[in-house]
Amino acid sequence: MPYNKMRHSLHTQSLSKKERLTGAENFIRVYQKGKRIKLPGLTIIITRNYLSYCRIGISAGRKIGGATKRNRAKRLIRELFRTNKRIFPAGHDLVFVPYRKFFHLDWNELKSNLVKAFDASNRCE
């Protein structure tokens, strides 16, 4: 595979800095204006950002556990987003809020819940 094509395919699989939702004002905007999609162990709050790409933020509070559990939840959510970018709508900001039940779900169950939530409905418009 030529270097440019390999580099492009790796880039589409990465999670760039522009795809991360940062800043308290952005989180507040999503919480206030966003629609909530409730999944087992996870709530996703989604709102329009008028950009050509999707941005994600993760709000893992102390209710789900100590620092190691919160960091694990964030890593898993980032990996879910990174490997399944095609199912998320472009031009939206997403905030993922995991709950304790999040750790009791396996990878395939999490992925199928996300696919059902975004492919089967037009909740994000």
N, C-alpha and C. Protein backbone atom coordinates (compact mmCIF):
# COMPACT_ATOMS: atom_id res chain seq x y z
N MET A 1 0.85 -1.17 0.00
CA MET A 1 0.00 0.00 0.00
C MET A 1 0.90 1.24 0.00
N PRO A 2 0.63 2.20 -0.89
CA PRO A 2 1.44 3.43 -0.91
C PRO A 2 1.33 4.18 0.41
N TYR A 3 2.38 4.91 0.72
CA TYR A 3 2.46 5.61 2.00
C TYR A 3 1.30 6.58 2.20
N ASN A 4 0.93 7.35 1.16
CA ASN A 4 -0.15 8.34 1.31
C ASN A 4 -1.48 7.69 1.64
N LYS A 5 -1.79 6.56 0.96
CA LYS A 5 -3.04 5.86 1.24
C LYS A 5 -3.03 5.26 2.64
N MET A 6 -1.88 4.71 3.04
CA MET A 6 -1.77 4.13 4.36
C MET A 6 -1.94 5.23 5.42
N ARG A 7 -1.32 6.37 5.18
CA ARG A 7 -1.41 7.49 6.12
C ARG A 7 -2.85 7.99 6.24
N HIS A 8 -3.57 8.05 5.10
CA HIS A 8 -4.96 8.49 5.11
C HIS A 8 -5.84 7.52 5.88
N SER A 9 -5.63 6.22 5.67
CA SER A 9 -6.46 5.24 6.37
C SER A 9 -6.18 5.25 7.87
N LEU A 10 -4.94 5.50 8.25
CA LEU A 10 -4.62 5.61 9.67
C LEU A 10 -5.24 6.86 10.27
N HIS A 11 -5.26 7.95 9.50
CA HIS A 11 -5.81 9.20 9.99
C HIS A 11 -7.32 9.10 10.24
N THR A 12 -8.02 8.39 9.38
CA THR A 12 -9.47 8.25 9.57
C THR A 12 -9.78 7.39 10.79
N GLN A 13 -8.83 6.55 11.21
CA GLN A 13 -9.03 5.71 12.39
C GLN A 13 -8.60 6.39 13.68
N SER A 14 -7.93 7.54 13.57
CA SER A 14 -7.44 8.20 14.77
C SER A 14 -8.51 9.12 15.37
N LEU A 15 -8.22 9.63 16.54
CA LEU A 15 -9.09 10.61 17.18
C LEU A 15 -8.29 11.90 17.28
N SER A 16 -8.53 12.80 16.36
CA SER A 16 -7.74 14.03 16.32
C SER A 16 -8.19 15.02 17.38
N LYS A 17 -7.38 16.03 17.63
CA LYS A 17 -7.70 17.03 18.65
C LYS A 17 -8.96 17.81 18.28
N LYS A 18 -9.19 18.03 17.00
CA LYS A 18 -10.37 18.80 16.60
C LYS A 18 -11.66 18.02 16.85
N GLU A 19 -11.57 16.70 16.99
CA GLU A 19 -12.75 15.88 17.25
C GLU A 19 -13.07 15.76 18.74
N ARG A 20 -12.31 16.42 19.58
CA ARG A 20 -12.56 16.39 21.02
C ARG A 20 -13.29 17.66 21.43
N LEU A 21 -14.31 17.49 22.20
CA LEU A 21 -15.08 18.61 22.73
C LEU A 21 -14.39 19.09 23.99
N THR A 22 -13.94 20.33 23.99
CA THR A 22 -13.23 20.87 25.14
C THR A 22 -13.87 22.18 25.58
N GLY A 23 -13.61 22.55 26.80
CA GLY A 23 -14.10 23.83 27.31
C GLY A 23 -15.45 23.70 27.98
N ALA A 24 -15.57 24.31 29.13
CA ALA A 24 -16.81 24.24 29.90
C ALA A 24 -17.99 24.82 29.13
N GLU A 25 -17.76 25.88 28.36
CA GLU A 25 -18.86 26.51 27.63
C GLU A 25 -19.47 25.58 26.59
N ASN A 26 -18.64 24.74 25.97
CA ASN A 26 -19.16 23.77 25.00
C ASN A 26 -19.99 22.68 25.69
N PHE A 27 -19.52 22.19 26.82
CA PHE A 27 -20.28 21.18 27.56
C PHE A 27 -21.61 21.76 28.04
N ILE A 28 -21.58 22.97 28.56
CA ILE A 28 -22.81 23.62 29.03
C ILE A 28 -23.81 23.78 27.89
N ARG A 29 -23.32 24.19 26.70
CA ARG A 29 -24.20 24.35 25.54
C ARG A 29 -24.85 23.02 25.16
N VAL A 30 -24.06 21.95 25.16
CA VAL A 30 -24.61 20.64 24.81
C VAL A 30 -25.62 20.19 25.85
N TYR A 31 -25.31 20.37 27.14
CA TYR A 31 -26.25 19.98 28.20
C TYR A 31 -27.55 20.76 28.11
N GLN A 32 -27.49 22.05 27.78
CA GLN A 32 -28.70 22.87 27.75
C GLN A 32 -29.53 22.66 26.50
N LYS A 33 -28.90 22.55 25.34
CA LYS A 33 -29.64 22.49 24.07
C LYS A 33 -29.77 21.09 23.49
N GLY A 34 -29.04 20.13 24.03
CA GLY A 34 -28.97 18.81 23.42
C GLY A 34 -30.15 17.91 23.72
N LYS A 35 -30.32 16.93 22.84
CA LYS A 35 -31.30 15.87 23.05
C LYS A 35 -30.58 14.70 23.69
N ARG A 36 -31.29 13.99 24.54
CA ARG A 36 -30.69 12.86 25.26
C ARG A 36 -31.12 11.54 24.63
N ILE A 37 -30.13 10.69 24.43
CA ILE A 37 -30.38 9.33 23.95
C ILE A 37 -29.93 8.41 25.07
N LYS A 38 -30.88 7.71 25.68
CA LYS A 38 -30.55 6.83 26.80
C LYS A 38 -30.34 5.42 26.30
N LEU A 39 -29.19 4.87 26.65
CA LEU A 39 -28.82 3.50 26.33
C LEU A 39 -28.51 2.78 27.64
N PRO A 40 -28.47 1.46 27.63
CA PRO A 40 -28.09 0.75 28.86
C PRO A 40 -26.67 1.15 29.30
N GLY A 41 -26.55 1.70 30.48
CA GLY A 41 -25.25 2.07 31.03
C GLY A 41 -24.65 3.36 30.50
N LEU A 42 -25.37 4.06 29.64
CA LEU A 42 -24.79 5.23 28.98
C LEU A 42 -25.89 6.17 28.49
N THR A 43 -25.67 7.45 28.66
CA THR A 43 -26.55 8.46 28.07
C THR A 43 -25.71 9.30 27.13
N ILE A 44 -26.25 9.60 25.96
CA ILE A 44 -25.56 10.43 24.98
C ILE A 44 -26.39 11.69 24.80
N ILE A 45 -25.76 12.83 24.94
CA ILE A 45 -26.43 14.11 24.73
C ILE A 45 -25.87 14.66 23.43
N ILE A 46 -26.75 15.02 22.50
CA ILE A 46 -26.32 15.40 21.16
C ILE A 46 -26.95 16.72 20.75
N THR A 47 -26.15 17.56 20.13
CA THR A 47 -26.65 18.82 19.59
C THR A 47 -25.81 19.20 18.37
N ARG A 48 -26.35 20.06 17.56
CA ARG A 48 -25.71 20.51 16.32
C ARG A 48 -24.53 21.43 16.63
N ASN A 49 -23.43 21.31 15.85
CA ASN A 49 -22.29 22.21 16.03
C ASN A 49 -21.94 23.00 14.77
N TYR A 50 -22.58 22.73 13.66
CA TYR A 50 -22.40 23.43 12.39
C TYR A 50 -20.96 23.37 11.87
N LEU A 51 -20.26 22.30 12.19
CA LEU A 51 -18.95 22.03 11.63
C LEU A 51 -19.10 20.84 10.69
N SER A 52 -18.05 20.52 9.96
CA SER A 52 -18.14 19.42 9.01
C SER A 52 -17.79 18.08 9.66
N TYR A 53 -17.55 18.07 10.95
CA TYR A 53 -17.16 16.85 11.63
C TYR A 53 -17.84 16.78 13.00
N CYS A 54 -17.77 15.61 13.59
CA CYS A 54 -18.39 15.34 14.88
C CYS A 54 -17.34 15.51 15.98
N ARG A 55 -17.76 16.07 17.12
CA ARG A 55 -16.86 16.19 18.27
C ARG A 55 -17.46 15.45 19.46
N ILE A 56 -16.60 14.83 20.27
CA ILE A 56 -17.11 14.10 21.43
C ILE A 56 -16.49 14.63 22.72
N GLY A 57 -17.27 14.55 23.76
CA GLY A 57 -16.83 14.85 25.11
C GLY A 57 -17.34 13.75 26.02
N ILE A 58 -16.65 13.54 27.12
CA ILE A 58 -17.03 12.48 28.05
C ILE A 58 -17.13 13.08 29.44
N SER A 59 -18.24 12.82 30.10
CA SER A 59 -18.47 13.32 31.44
C SER A 59 -18.63 12.11 32.37
N ALA A 60 -17.52 11.65 32.92
CA ALA A 60 -17.52 10.49 33.81
C ALA A 60 -17.36 10.98 35.24
N GLY A 61 -18.43 10.98 35.99
CA GLY A 61 -18.42 11.49 37.35
C GLY A 61 -17.98 10.45 38.36
N ARG A 62 -17.86 10.87 39.60
CA ARG A 62 -17.40 9.99 40.66
C ARG A 62 -18.40 8.89 41.01
N LYS A 63 -19.63 9.05 40.57
CA LYS A 63 -20.65 8.04 40.87
C LYS A 63 -20.31 6.68 40.25
N ILE A 64 -19.54 6.67 39.16
CA ILE A 64 -19.23 5.38 38.52
C ILE A 64 -18.04 4.70 39.14
N GLY A 65 -17.30 5.40 39.99
CA GLY A 65 -16.18 4.77 40.67
C GLY A 65 -15.00 5.71 40.81
N GLY A 66 -13.89 5.14 41.23
CA GLY A 66 -12.67 5.91 41.43
C GLY A 66 -12.03 6.30 40.11
N ALA A 67 -10.86 6.89 40.23
CA ALA A 67 -10.16 7.42 39.05
C ALA A 67 -9.88 6.34 38.01
N THR A 68 -9.51 5.14 38.45
CA THR A 68 -9.18 4.09 37.48
C THR A 68 -10.42 3.68 36.69
N LYS A 69 -11.56 3.59 37.35
CA LYS A 69 -12.80 3.24 36.62
C LYS A 69 -13.22 4.36 35.67
N ARG A 70 -13.13 5.60 36.12
CA ARG A 70 -13.49 6.73 35.25
C ARG A 70 -12.58 6.77 34.03
N ASN A 71 -11.30 6.57 34.22
CA ASN A 71 -10.36 6.58 33.09
C ASN A 71 -10.62 5.42 32.14
N ARG A 72 -10.95 4.26 32.69
CA ARG A 72 -11.27 3.11 31.83
C ARG A 72 -12.51 3.40 31.00
N ALA A 73 -13.54 3.98 31.62
CA ALA A 73 -14.76 4.33 30.88
C ALA A 73 -14.43 5.30 29.76
N LYS A 74 -13.60 6.30 30.03
CA LYS A 74 -13.24 7.28 29.00
C LYS A 74 -12.47 6.62 27.86
N ARG A 75 -11.55 5.73 28.20
CA ARG A 75 -10.79 5.03 27.15
C ARG A 75 -11.71 4.19 26.27
N LEU A 76 -12.62 3.47 26.90
CA LEU A 76 -13.55 2.62 26.13
C LEU A 76 -14.45 3.46 25.22
N ILE A 77 -14.95 4.57 25.73
CA ILE A 77 -15.83 5.43 24.92
C ILE A 77 -15.06 6.04 23.76
N ARG A 78 -13.84 6.51 24.00
CA ARG A 78 -13.03 7.05 22.91
C ARG A 78 -12.77 6.00 21.84
N GLU A 79 -12.50 4.77 22.28
CA GLU A 79 -12.25 3.68 21.34
C GLU A 79 -13.52 3.33 20.56
N LEU A 80 -14.66 3.33 21.22
CA LEU A 80 -15.93 3.10 20.52
C LEU A 80 -16.15 4.16 19.44
N PHE A 81 -15.91 5.40 19.78
CA PHE A 81 -16.07 6.48 18.80
C PHE A 81 -15.07 6.35 17.67
N ARG A 82 -13.81 6.12 18.02
CA ARG A 82 -12.74 6.08 17.03
C ARG A 82 -12.95 4.97 16.00
N THR A 83 -13.39 3.81 16.43
CA THR A 83 -13.54 2.68 15.53
C THR A 83 -14.88 2.65 14.81
N ASN A 84 -15.83 3.51 15.21
CA ASN A 84 -17.17 3.50 14.61
C ASN A 84 -17.60 4.89 14.18
N LYS A 85 -16.68 5.71 13.70
CA LYS A 85 -16.99 7.09 13.33
C LYS A 85 -18.10 7.19 12.30
N ARG A 86 -18.21 6.21 11.45
CA ARG A 86 -19.18 6.28 10.34
C ARG A 86 -20.63 6.32 10.82
N ILE A 87 -20.91 5.81 12.01
CA ILE A 87 -22.30 5.79 12.47
C ILE A 87 -22.73 7.09 13.13
N PHE A 88 -21.78 7.93 13.52
CA PHE A 88 -22.11 9.19 14.18
C PHE A 88 -22.35 10.29 13.16
N PRO A 89 -23.36 11.13 13.36
CA PRO A 89 -23.69 12.17 12.38
C PRO A 89 -22.66 13.30 12.39
N ALA A 90 -22.22 13.68 11.21
CA ALA A 90 -21.29 14.80 11.08
C ALA A 90 -22.01 16.09 11.47
N GLY A 91 -21.25 17.05 11.97
CA GLY A 91 -21.84 18.33 12.33
C GLY A 91 -22.57 18.33 13.66
N HIS A 92 -22.20 17.43 14.56
CA HIS A 92 -22.84 17.35 15.87
C HIS A 92 -21.80 17.23 16.97
N ASP A 93 -22.16 17.73 18.14
CA ASP A 93 -21.37 17.54 19.34
C ASP A 93 -22.06 16.48 20.19
N LEU A 94 -21.28 15.55 20.72
CA LEU A 94 -21.81 14.47 21.54
C LEU A 94 -21.13 14.48 22.90
N VAL A 95 -21.91 14.36 23.96
CA VAL A 95 -21.35 14.18 25.29
C VAL A 95 -21.84 12.82 25.79
N PHE A 96 -20.90 11.95 26.13
CA PHE A 96 -21.20 10.62 26.64
C PHE A 96 -21.14 10.67 28.17
N VAL A 97 -22.19 10.15 28.80
CA VAL A 97 -22.24 10.10 30.27
C VAL A 97 -22.42 8.64 30.67
N PRO A 98 -21.34 7.97 31.10
CA PRO A 98 -21.46 6.56 31.51
C PRO A 98 -21.97 6.43 32.94
N TYR A 99 -22.63 5.29 33.21
CA TYR A 99 -23.11 4.96 34.54
C TYR A 99 -22.46 3.65 34.98
N ARG A 100 -22.70 3.25 36.23
CA ARG A 100 -22.07 2.02 36.74
C ARG A 100 -22.36 0.80 35.88
N LYS A 101 -23.54 0.72 35.33
CA LYS A 101 -23.92 -0.43 34.51
C LYS A 101 -23.06 -0.53 33.24
N PHE A 102 -22.41 0.56 32.86
CA PHE A 102 -21.54 0.60 31.68
C PHE A 102 -20.48 -0.50 31.73
N PHE A 103 -19.96 -0.78 32.91
CA PHE A 103 -18.88 -1.76 33.06
C PHE A 103 -19.38 -3.19 32.98
N HIS A 104 -20.68 -3.41 33.05
CA HIS A 104 -21.24 -4.76 32.99
C HIS A 104 -21.61 -5.17 31.56
N LEU A 105 -21.46 -4.25 30.61
CA LEU A 105 -21.77 -4.55 29.21
C LEU A 105 -20.49 -4.94 28.49
N ASP A 106 -20.62 -5.88 27.55
CA ASP A 106 -19.42 -6.24 26.78
C ASP A 106 -19.32 -5.35 25.54
N TRP A 107 -18.19 -5.43 24.88
CA TRP A 107 -17.85 -4.55 23.74
C TRP A 107 -18.90 -4.64 22.64
N ASN A 108 -19.29 -5.85 22.25
CA ASN A 108 -20.25 -6.02 21.15
C ASN A 108 -21.62 -5.46 21.51
N GLU A 109 -21.99 -5.57 22.76
CA GLU A 109 -23.28 -5.03 23.21
C GLU A 109 -23.26 -3.50 23.15
N LEU A 110 -22.16 -2.90 23.59
CA LEU A 110 -22.03 -1.45 23.52
C LEU A 110 -22.11 -0.96 22.08
N LYS A 111 -21.39 -1.65 21.20
CA LYS A 111 -21.36 -1.26 19.79
C LYS A 111 -22.74 -1.41 19.15
N SER A 112 -23.43 -2.51 19.41
CA SER A 112 -24.75 -2.71 18.81
C SER A 112 -25.76 -1.68 19.34
N ASN A 113 -25.65 -1.30 20.61
CA ASN A 113 -26.52 -0.26 21.15
C ASN A 113 -26.30 1.07 20.45
N LEU A 114 -25.04 1.41 20.19
CA LEU A 114 -24.73 2.65 19.48
C LEU A 114 -25.27 2.63 18.06
N VAL A 115 -25.07 1.52 17.37
CA VAL A 115 -25.55 1.41 15.99
C VAL A 115 -27.06 1.55 15.94
N LYS A 116 -27.77 0.89 16.85
CA LYS A 116 -29.23 1.00 16.90
C LYS A 116 -29.67 2.43 17.17
N ALA A 117 -28.98 3.08 18.08
CA ALA A 117 -29.37 4.45 18.47
C ALA A 117 -29.20 5.44 17.34
N PHE A 118 -28.16 5.31 16.53
CA PHE A 118 -27.89 6.31 15.50
C PHE A 118 -28.35 5.90 14.11
N ASP A 119 -28.42 4.61 13.80
CA ASP A 119 -28.87 4.18 12.48
C ASP A 119 -30.38 4.07 12.38
N ALA A 120 -31.02 3.63 13.45
CA ALA A 120 -32.45 3.34 13.40
C ALA A 120 -33.33 4.55 13.63
N SER A 121 -32.74 5.69 14.00
CA SER A 121 -33.58 6.85 14.29
C SER A 121 -32.95 8.12 13.77
N ASN A 122 -33.76 9.15 13.68
CA ASN A 122 -33.29 10.47 13.28
C ASN A 122 -33.40 11.41 14.47
N ARG A 123 -33.05 10.96 15.63
CA ARG A 123 -33.17 11.77 16.85
C ARG A 123 -32.22 12.95 16.83
N CYS A 124 -31.16 12.88 16.06
CA CYS A 124 -30.13 13.91 16.13
C CYS A 124 -30.44 15.11 15.25
N GLU A 125 -31.48 15.12 14.51
CA GLU A 125 -31.79 16.26 13.63
C GLU A 125 -32.70 17.24 14.33
